[in-house]
Amino acid sequence: MNSFEIKFLDGPQNRRKEFFFALRVLFEFIKGFRKLHFVGPCVTVFGSARFDENHEYYKKTEKLSGEIAKLGFTIMTGGGPGIMEAANKGAKEVGGRSVGCNIVLPFEQFQNQYLDKSVDIKYFFVRKTLLIKYSYAFIVMPGGFGTMDEYFEALTLIQTKMLLEFPIIIFDTEYHKELINHIELMKQKGTISPEDLKLCLFTDSIEEAISHLKVNAIDKFNLTHEKPRKVFWWLFEKKIW
């Protein structure tokens, strides 16, 4: 989080500062929209930045993302290392499309080398909006606070009908077993509805995940017949691929 965002969240500021902060946010959104307009239907992969290429979660992500890319989806991530790198790498290895929406941080985050297209974003809430905006499905791999934040943001938007019912797949049931138990507890206590459990698929199977995407993303939203986006030369636009 940069100094402007910290200051903005520190209660009311004078009107001039808040106006100029709003302009900075608007610029970040426009930058993201321009960079990502032609990326095609995406599947966003969430997960920790802290796993290296020798870790089992990295390898699983790489394989799963490759299979998703073969369906014709663009793999979108936060653009950094760890699970994000594995997802982008998996797409590239099978000739798929790979994009990243990178957060600018003083530590831990840097762009990975497997991106066809990327955009650097200063504010977490802008970045999170972009990761959700262009996706027809979300894959939640093992991760920390940021991964859970992104997962529950997407889930809440779908639950409240602010977002279409895109599939959410949580991969690795052993890692997420306590999360599964807590979601079941929320259902028992009545803080969520029983039908809310249908919004997510918990699985360890790549085959099950791919089948779920085919039915609940490709077929449901007719993605095989999606029309290409028109390029407007007067906006200095150009297609990525």
Foldseek 3Di string as FASTA:
>chain_A
DDPLVVVVVPDDDPPVSVVVVVVVLVVLLVQLCQQCVQQAAAEEEDAAQPDACVDPLLVLLLQLLLLVQVVVHEYEYQQFHDSLLSNLNSQVVNVGAYEHEHEDDPDSGDGDDRHLTYDYGDDPVSSLCSSLVRYLEYEQEYHDDVSVVSVVVNLVCCLVVVDPLRAYEYEDCVSCVVVVVVVVVCCVVVVDDPCSVVSYHYDHDSVVVSVCCCVRGCVVVVSVPDDGDDDDVVVVHDHSD
